[in-house]
Amino acid sequence: MNLIIVGVDFSDNSINCLEHALTIAKKAGADLMMVWVNIPSIAKNLLSEKDADINQVVTEKFEDLVRKYQPMLYNGKITFAIRQGKVYKEIANLAKEKEADIILVGTHGTSGYDPFWIGSNANKLISIAPCPVITIRLGVDINRDLTKIVLPLDDTQETRHKVAIATDMALYFNAEVLILGLYTSSIEHYRHLVDSYCEQVGKHFVKYGVKHSLHKTEAGNVTKTTIEFAVKMDANLICIMTEQTTSAMNLWLGPYAQQMVNQSPVPVLSVHPKQQLSMKYSL
């Protein structure tokens, strides 16, 4: 991992997200780039004087953050960017331009207010981002170590495409991956696929020395089941696909991924199908 991009609007939630990004950057030996997108409704909240230069104000705020956090990032560099346009498009474009490995953003979900991520910006970013995206809701404790990663597996082939990034994160933090086999059908063929994929992923983790455990459950609602399991197991991260081949029975279609991002009290790592196939630890 070489570069992590984090969306910053200077709210408490985005600073919390920045600190999470810093933790990952330290473990990965990566650089960190903060980005702020100029939106009039947000910009006016940052100005103490009507005639102030918003870019100068934001630059000074970013410079303060660099001075505070750069000493903590021993093997990487913290930089920042100011963009103009739609939040989700500009962050996705920046990630593409800089060939970022991962994006982190803070979000309150649909139940709260966050000026940077009001509406569906977070979900829109996830849908067009060129790399995986971690969404973090307000209240997640930055001081907690990443010790448990939930990896839900269904009966679609694409479900395994998130294994590479999960392997990376587990090895960076010496975390345990909780493989969660989700049975969404009573048809034996589909249940056998879940079993087969769980076994394959387990062998993959053995190969790379990743701590892991296997869990299986019936799942009428994959979002609800996965969140409840993650909370029960006191997990720190849920790794999901954002879109997959559809079937009559399941699974991580757009609405499910959106529900996960909006509802999960646990940070969510969203991955597109095939997005990780070129990574070192891909299946």
Protein backbone atom coordinates (compact mmCIF):
# COMPACT_ATOMS: atom_id res chain seq x y z
CA MET A 1 0.00 0.00 0.00
CA ASN A 2 1.49 3.32 -1.11
CA LEU A 3 -1.15 6.05 -0.75
CA ILE A 4 -4.25 6.53 1.40
CA ILE A 5 -6.70 9.34 0.67
CA VAL A 6 -9.01 10.66 3.38
CA GLY A 7 -11.89 13.09 2.97
CA VAL A 8 -11.71 15.97 5.45
CA ASP A 9 -14.28 18.69 6.15
CA PHE A 10 -12.78 19.55 9.58
CA SER A 11 -15.81 18.16 11.45
CA ASP A 12 -15.18 15.91 14.46
CA ASN A 13 -16.19 12.89 12.41
CA SER A 14 -13.76 13.59 9.59
CA ILE A 15 -10.89 14.21 12.04
CA ASN A 16 -11.72 10.88 13.68
CA CYS A 17 -11.59 9.33 10.22
CA LEU A 18 -8.25 11.04 9.56
CA GLU A 19 -6.82 9.48 12.71
CA HIS A 20 -8.02 6.04 11.57
CA ALA A 21 -6.34 6.65 8.21
CA LEU A 22 -3.15 7.65 10.00
CA THR A 23 -3.16 4.37 11.91
CA ILE A 24 -3.46 2.38 8.68
CA ALA A 25 -0.77 4.49 7.00
CA LYS A 26 1.64 3.82 9.87
CA LYS A 27 1.06 0.07 9.68
CA ALA A 28 1.33 0.00 5.88
CA GLY A 29 4.22 2.46 5.55
CA ALA A 30 2.04 4.50 3.20
CA ASP A 31 1.69 8.20 2.44
CA LEU A 32 -1.49 10.01 3.46
CA MET A 33 -3.31 12.67 1.44
CA MET A 34 -6.15 14.74 2.90
CA VAL A 35 -8.70 16.26 0.52
CA TRP A 36 -11.29 19.01 0.97
CA VAL A 37 -13.88 19.84 -1.68
CA ASN A 38 -15.11 23.43 -1.86
CA ILE A 39 -18.88 23.50 -1.38
CA PRO A 40 -20.48 26.88 -0.56
CA SER A 41 -22.67 25.49 2.25
CA ILE A 42 -19.61 24.04 3.96
CA ALA A 43 -17.20 26.84 3.10
CA LYS A 44 -19.27 29.53 4.81
CA ASN A 45 -19.10 27.58 8.08
CA LEU A 46 -15.31 27.81 8.00
CA LEU A 47 -15.15 31.56 7.46
CA SER A 48 -14.97 33.98 10.37
CA GLU A 49 -15.02 36.95 7.99
CA LYS A 50 -17.19 37.33 4.91
CA ASP A 51 -14.36 38.55 2.70
CA ALA A 52 -11.90 35.84 3.77
CA ASP A 53 -10.23 33.68 1.13
CA ILE A 54 -11.66 30.20 1.65
CA ASN A 55 -8.72 28.46 -0.01
CA GLN A 56 -6.32 30.27 2.31
CA VAL A 57 -8.43 29.37 5.35
CA VAL A 58 -8.53 25.70 4.33
CA THR A 59 -4.81 25.68 3.52
CA GLU A 60 -4.00 27.01 6.99
CA LYS A 61 -6.25 24.38 8.59
CA PHE A 62 -4.55 21.64 6.59
CA GLU A 63 -1.11 22.96 7.52
CA ASP A 64 -2.12 22.80 11.18
CA LEU A 65 -3.17 19.16 10.72
CA VAL A 66 0.09 18.33 8.96
CA ARG A 67 2.09 19.86 11.83
CA LYS A 68 0.07 17.87 14.34
CA TYR A 69 0.06 14.46 12.65
CA GLN A 70 3.22 14.31 10.51
CA PRO A 71 5.46 13.47 13.50
CA MET A 72 3.28 10.37 14.06
CA LEU A 73 3.78 9.07 10.52
CA TYR A 74 7.39 8.00 10.63
CA ASN A 75 7.69 6.29 7.23
CA GLY A 76 5.29 8.35 5.17
CA LYS A 77 4.37 11.87 4.16
CA ILE A 78 1.16 13.78 4.81
CA THR A 79 -0.05 16.11 2.06
CA PHE A 80 -3.36 17.75 1.17
CA ALA A 81 -5.43 18.77 -1.83
CA ILE A 82 -8.23 21.30 -2.35
CA ARG A 83 -10.76 20.50 -5.06
CA GLN A 84 -13.79 22.19 -6.60
CA GLY A 85 -16.90 20.30 -7.66
CA LYS A 86 -19.05 17.43 -6.44
CA VAL A 87 -17.60 15.81 -3.36
CA TYR A 88 -17.81 12.18 -4.42
CA LYS A 89 -16.61 12.83 -7.97
CA GLU A 90 -13.64 14.93 -6.90
CA ILE A 91 -12.44 12.42 -4.32
CA ALA A 92 -12.82 9.56 -6.79
CA ASN A 93 -11.00 11.56 -9.49
CA LEU A 94 -8.18 12.41 -7.10
CA ALA A 95 -7.82 8.75 -6.12
CA LYS A 96 -7.59 7.82 -9.79
CA GLU A 97 -5.07 10.57 -10.59
CA LYS A 98 -2.86 9.65 -7.64
CA GLU A 99 -3.37 5.88 -8.02
CA ALA A 100 -4.48 5.64 -4.40
CA ASP A 101 -4.78 2.25 -2.78
CA ILE A 102 -7.66 3.06 -0.46
CA ILE A 103 -10.01 5.92 0.49
CA LEU A 104 -11.36 6.66 3.98
CA VAL A 105 -14.37 8.87 4.64
CA GLY A 106 -16.48 9.60 7.68
CA THR A 107 -20.25 9.38 7.51
CA HIS A 108 -23.17 9.64 9.89
CA GLY A 109 -25.30 7.50 7.62
CA THR A 110 -28.91 8.42 6.93
CA SER A 111 -29.79 9.01 10.57
CA GLY A 112 -27.43 11.87 11.29
CA TYR A 113 -26.04 15.07 9.85
CA ASP A 114 -22.54 15.52 8.53
CA PRO A 115 -21.92 18.57 6.30
CA PHE A 116 -19.40 16.80 4.08
CA TRP A 117 -21.41 13.64 3.54
CA ILE A 118 -24.98 14.89 3.65
CA GLY A 119 -27.27 12.92 1.36
CA SER A 120 -25.79 10.00 -0.57
CA ASN A 121 -22.26 11.28 -1.19
CA ALA A 122 -20.67 8.34 0.63
CA ASN A 123 -22.63 5.74 -1.33
CA LYS A 124 -22.00 7.58 -4.59
CA LEU A 125 -18.28 7.67 -3.87
CA ILE A 126 -18.24 3.94 -3.17
CA SER A 127 -20.00 3.23 -6.46
CA ILE A 128 -17.46 5.10 -8.63
CA ALA A 129 -14.22 4.92 -6.61
CA PRO A 130 -11.26 3.29 -8.42
CA CYS A 131 -10.13 1.62 -5.17
CA PRO A 132 -11.67 0.21 -1.98
CA VAL A 133 -13.39 2.66 0.39
CA ILE A 134 -13.65 2.51 4.18
CA THR A 135 -16.59 4.39 5.69
CA ILE A 136 -16.47 5.26 9.39
CA ARG A 137 -19.41 6.56 11.38
CA LEU A 138 -19.04 9.07 14.19
CA GLY A 139 -18.27 7.50 17.54
CA VAL A 140 -15.89 4.76 16.43
CA ASP A 141 -13.04 4.70 18.93
CA ILE A 142 -9.71 5.55 17.31
CA ASN A 143 -7.83 4.03 20.25
CA ARG A 144 -9.14 0.52 19.59
CA ASP A 145 -6.74 -1.75 17.72
CA LEU A 146 -7.96 -3.49 14.59
CA THR A 147 -8.18 -7.04 15.93
CA LYS A 148 -11.15 -8.63 14.14
CA ILE A 149 -12.27 -8.35 10.51
CA VAL A 150 -15.60 -9.82 9.41
CA LEU A 151 -15.49 -11.34 5.92
CA PRO A 152 -19.00 -12.40 4.82
CA LEU A 153 -19.08 -14.95 1.99
CA ASP A 154 -22.15 -15.82 -0.09
CA ASP A 155 -22.69 -18.15 -3.05
CA THR A 156 -21.58 -15.78 -5.83
CA GLN A 157 -18.17 -16.08 -7.46
CA GLU A 158 -17.39 -12.41 -6.85
CA THR A 159 -17.73 -12.80 -3.09
CA ARG A 160 -14.06 -13.86 -2.94
CA HIS A 161 -12.75 -10.76 -4.70
CA LYS A 162 -12.48 -8.90 -1.39
CA VAL A 163 -10.13 -11.49 0.10
CA ALA A 164 -6.94 -9.72 -1.07
CA ILE A 165 -7.60 -6.46 0.76
CA ALA A 166 -8.83 -8.36 3.82
CA THR A 167 -5.53 -10.28 3.81
CA ASP A 168 -3.58 -7.03 3.58
CA MET A 169 -5.43 -5.46 6.49
CA ALA A 170 -5.15 -8.59 8.63
CA LEU A 171 -1.39 -8.84 8.10
CA TYR A 172 -0.82 -5.11 8.73
CA PHE A 173 -2.58 -5.31 12.10
CA ASN A 174 -2.05 -8.98 13.01
CA ALA A 175 -5.84 -9.19 13.10
CA GLU A 176 -8.09 -12.23 12.97
CA VAL A 177 -10.41 -12.64 9.99
CA LEU A 178 -13.83 -13.99 10.92
CA ILE A 179 -15.04 -15.86 7.82
CA LEU A 180 -18.83 -15.67 7.86
CA GLY A 181 -20.60 -18.10 5.52
CA LEU A 182 -24.06 -16.76 4.72
CA TYR A 183 -26.73 -19.29 3.73
CA THR A 184 -29.48 -17.42 1.93
CA SER A 185 -31.12 -20.40 0.25
CA SER A 186 -32.33 -23.85 1.24
CA ILE A 187 -31.18 -25.25 -2.11
CA GLU A 188 -28.27 -27.61 -1.52
CA HIS A 189 -26.29 -26.43 -4.56
CA TYR A 190 -26.04 -22.87 -3.25
CA ARG A 191 -25.25 -23.98 0.28
CA HIS A 192 -22.47 -26.18 -1.10
CA LEU A 193 -21.01 -23.14 -2.92
CA VAL A 194 -20.87 -21.22 0.35
CA ASP A 195 -19.10 -24.16 2.01
CA SER A 196 -16.67 -24.45 -0.91
CA TYR A 197 -15.79 -20.75 -0.91
CA CYS A 198 -15.31 -20.72 2.87
CA GLU A 199 -12.93 -23.69 2.59
CA GLN A 200 -10.99 -22.06 -0.26
CA VAL A 201 -10.61 -18.77 1.61
CA GLY A 202 -9.56 -20.61 4.75
CA LYS A 203 -6.77 -22.38 2.83
CA HIS A 204 -5.73 -19.01 1.39
CA PHE A 205 -5.37 -17.56 4.88
CA VAL A 206 -3.36 -20.57 6.03
CA LYS A 207 -1.01 -20.04 3.07
CA TYR A 208 -0.30 -16.44 4.08
CA GLY A 209 -0.30 -16.94 7.82
CA VAL A 210 -3.51 -15.01 8.51
CA LYS A 211 -5.29 -15.77 11.77
CA HIS A 212 -8.85 -16.77 11.01
CA SER A 213 -11.92 -18.62 12.23
CA LEU A 214 -14.96 -20.01 10.42
CA HIS A 215 -18.58 -19.19 11.22
CA LYS A 216 -21.75 -20.03 9.27
CA THR A 217 -25.32 -18.87 9.64
CA GLU A 218 -28.70 -18.65 7.96
CA ALA A 219 -29.23 -15.17 6.54
CA GLY A 220 -32.66 -13.93 5.59
CA ASN A 221 -31.30 -10.37 5.54
CA VAL A 222 -27.57 -10.35 4.79
CA THR A 223 -27.05 -6.79 6.05
CA LYS A 224 -28.82 -7.34 9.37
CA THR A 225 -27.18 -10.74 9.90
CA THR A 226 -23.68 -9.46 9.16
CA ILE A 227 -23.99 -6.37 11.35
CA GLU A 228 -25.42 -8.36 14.26
CA PHE A 229 -22.58 -10.88 13.96
CA ALA A 230 -19.93 -8.13 13.82
CA VAL A 231 -21.35 -6.42 16.90
CA LYS A 232 -21.63 -9.72 18.79
CA MET A 233 -18.01 -10.58 17.99
CA ASP A 234 -16.82 -7.05 18.82
CA ALA A 235 -15.30 -6.72 15.34
CA ASN A 236 -13.52 -3.59 14.09
CA LEU A 237 -14.13 -3.88 10.34
CA ILE A 238 -16.60 -5.46 7.92
CA CYS A 239 -15.38 -6.18 4.40
CA ILE A 240 -18.11 -6.32 1.71
CA MET A 241 -18.61 -6.28 -2.04
CA THR A 242 -20.60 -3.35 -3.38
CA GLU A 243 -22.15 -5.14 -6.33
CA GLN A 244 -22.24 -8.71 -7.49
CA THR A 245 -23.87 -10.99 -10.04
CA THR A 246 -27.54 -11.17 -9.14
CA SER A 247 -29.52 -14.31 -8.45
CA ALA A 248 -33.05 -14.93 -7.28
CA MET A 249 -31.83 -15.53 -3.75
CA ASN A 250 -29.17 -12.95 -2.98
CA LEU A 251 -27.10 -10.82 -2.22
CA TRP A 252 -24.82 -7.78 -2.05
CA LEU A 253 -26.77 -5.71 -4.52
CA GLY A 254 -26.63 -1.92 -4.37
CA PRO A 255 -29.32 -1.59 -1.68
CA TYR A 256 -27.59 -4.09 0.61
CA ALA A 257 -24.25 -2.29 0.38
CA GLN A 258 -25.96 1.05 0.99
CA GLN A 259 -27.78 -0.36 4.01
CA MET A 260 -24.50 -1.64 5.39
CA VAL A 261 -22.73 1.71 4.98
CA ASN A 262 -25.66 3.63 6.44
CA GLN A 263 -26.52 1.31 9.31
CA SER A 264 -23.33 -0.37 10.49
CA PRO A 265 -21.79 0.95 13.73
CA VAL A 266 -18.67 -0.95 12.63
CA PRO A 267 -16.41 0.59 9.92
CA VAL A 268 -17.15 -0.88 6.48
CA LEU A 269 -14.60 -1.65 3.78
CA SER A 270 -16.37 -1.69 0.39
CA VAL A 271 -14.75 -3.42 -2.58
CA HIS A 272 -15.83 -3.63 -6.22
CA PRO A 273 -15.76 -6.98 -8.03
CA LYS A 274 -12.36 -7.58 -9.65
CA GLN A 275 -10.97 -4.46 -7.96
CA GLN A 276 -8.47 -6.53 -6.02
CA LEU A 277 -7.53 -9.17 -8.59
CA SER A 278 -4.13 -7.58 -9.29
CA MET A 279 -3.17 -7.43 -5.61
CA LYS A 280 -0.51 -9.67 -4.12
CA TYR A 281 -2.90 -11.67 -1.99
CA SER A 282 -5.70 -12.24 -4.53
CA LEU A 283 -7.12 -15.73 -4.85
